[in-house]
Protein backbone atom coordinates (compact mmCIF):
# COMPACT_ATOMS: atom_id res chain seq x y z
CA MET A 1 102.61 -69.70 -78.54
CA ASN A 2 101.14 -71.43 -81.88
CA ASP A 3 104.35 -70.20 -83.75
CA LEU A 4 106.78 -72.21 -81.64
CA ILE A 5 104.14 -75.23 -81.50
CA ARG A 6 104.70 -75.07 -84.62
CA ARG A 7 108.81 -75.36 -85.02
CA TRP A 8 109.04 -77.95 -82.29
CA GLN A 9 106.35 -79.82 -85.19
CA ARG A 10 108.95 -79.06 -87.87
CA ALA A 11 111.99 -79.11 -86.17
CA VAL A 12 110.41 -83.07 -85.34
CA GLU A 13 109.66 -83.93 -88.94
CA ARG A 14 113.05 -82.67 -90.13
CA ALA A 15 115.47 -85.11 -87.45
CA GLY A 16 113.50 -88.17 -88.38
CA GLU A 17 113.40 -86.91 -92.48
CA GLU A 18 117.49 -85.62 -92.06
CA GLN A 19 117.82 -88.95 -89.66
CA VAL A 20 119.59 -86.81 -86.89
CA ARG A 21 121.23 -89.45 -84.52
CA ILE A 22 122.44 -88.63 -80.62
CA VAL A 23 126.10 -89.56 -80.44
CA ASN A 24 127.77 -89.96 -76.23
CA ILE A 25 131.83 -88.98 -76.81
CA GLY A 26 133.65 -88.93 -74.56
CA GLY A 27 130.44 -87.81 -71.68
CA GLU A 28 129.59 -84.89 -74.17
CA LEU A 29 126.30 -85.21 -76.19
CA PHE A 30 126.46 -84.54 -80.12
CA ALA A 31 124.28 -84.39 -82.56
CA THR A 32 124.80 -85.32 -86.06
CA SER A 33 125.18 -82.78 -89.01
CA SER A 34 122.82 -83.70 -92.17
CA SER A 35 124.64 -80.98 -93.72
CA GLN A 36 128.09 -81.76 -93.09
CA ARG A 37 129.72 -85.04 -93.86
CA MET A 38 131.04 -86.27 -90.42
CA GLY A 39 129.78 -83.19 -88.46
CA ALA A 40 128.04 -82.46 -85.36
CA TYR A 41 126.89 -79.75 -82.94
CA ARG A 42 127.00 -80.21 -79.27
CA LEU A 43 124.25 -80.13 -76.67
CA SER A 44 124.84 -79.46 -73.48
CA ARG A 45 122.90 -78.26 -70.48
CA THR A 46 122.53 -74.64 -69.19
CA ALA A 47 120.95 -73.32 -66.74
CA ALA A 48 118.03 -72.14 -69.11
CA GLY A 49 117.89 -75.82 -70.66
CA TRP A 50 119.19 -77.28 -73.05
CA ALA A 51 121.35 -76.05 -75.91
CA CYS A 52 122.86 -77.11 -79.29
CA GLU A 53 125.86 -74.63 -81.06
CA CYS A 54 124.21 -74.66 -84.18
CA ILE A 55 123.29 -71.26 -85.51
CA ALA A 56 119.07 -71.99 -85.08
CA ASN A 57 119.27 -72.59 -81.10
CA GLN A 58 122.51 -70.47 -80.75
CA GLU A 59 122.66 -67.43 -82.03
CA HIS A 60 118.32 -67.04 -82.24
CA LEU A 61 117.30 -69.37 -79.69
CA LEU A 62 115.18 -71.13 -81.94
CA PRO A 63 113.69 -75.45 -81.50
CA CYS A 64 116.26 -76.74 -83.40
CA LYS A 65 116.41 -80.32 -85.55
CA HIS A 66 119.31 -81.06 -82.69
CA LEU A 67 117.45 -80.76 -80.06
CA ALA A 68 113.89 -82.25 -80.96
CA ALA A 69 116.48 -85.09 -81.49
CA LEU A 70 117.72 -84.89 -78.23
CA ALA A 71 114.84 -84.98 -76.82
CA ASP A 72 113.17 -87.53 -78.30
CA ALA A 73 116.12 -89.68 -77.10
CA LEU A 74 116.21 -88.69 -73.61
CA GLY A 75 112.32 -88.46 -73.41
CA LEU A 76 112.18 -84.44 -72.70
CA ASP A 77 109.59 -81.82 -72.61
CA VAL A 78 110.63 -79.72 -75.74
CA LEU A 79 108.96 -76.60 -74.40
CA ALA A 80 110.03 -76.86 -70.80
CA ASP A 81 113.35 -78.34 -71.30
CA MET A 82 114.82 -75.96 -73.88
CA ARG A 83 116.65 -73.15 -74.45
CA ILE A 84 113.97 -71.42 -76.43
CA THR A 85 112.23 -68.30 -77.18
CA LEU A 86 109.06 -67.57 -77.81
CA PRO A 87 109.07 -65.57 -81.87
CA ALA A 88 109.91 -61.96 -81.53
CA ASP A 89 106.33 -60.83 -83.04
CA ALA A 90 104.65 -63.59 -81.18
CA PRO A 91 101.00 -62.17 -79.06
CA ALA A 92 102.17 -60.92 -75.26
CA GLY A 93 99.19 -62.83 -74.69
CA ASN A 94 100.43 -65.63 -75.93
CA ALA A 95 103.08 -66.32 -74.02
CA ALA A 96 101.61 -69.37 -71.30
């Protein structure tokens, strides 16, 4: 669990450093990309929580700076409201 919290802390830092912004386009939410000029990642609410279409979250279910920016903008709880998983190397006893 400590690793997951550290990952979220770093995602929050990166979102601020890289000025990730949340925009509403036609009723859909997007997070701006800091690596692709004029790029953005779609954010969507799923049964498992908010998800981002970036590689980190889409393929690996890891915290990302885009979801961190969304959590900040909407006042969400990153541990309860986001679609993420504990890292595979996390001890089972720390999953609470």
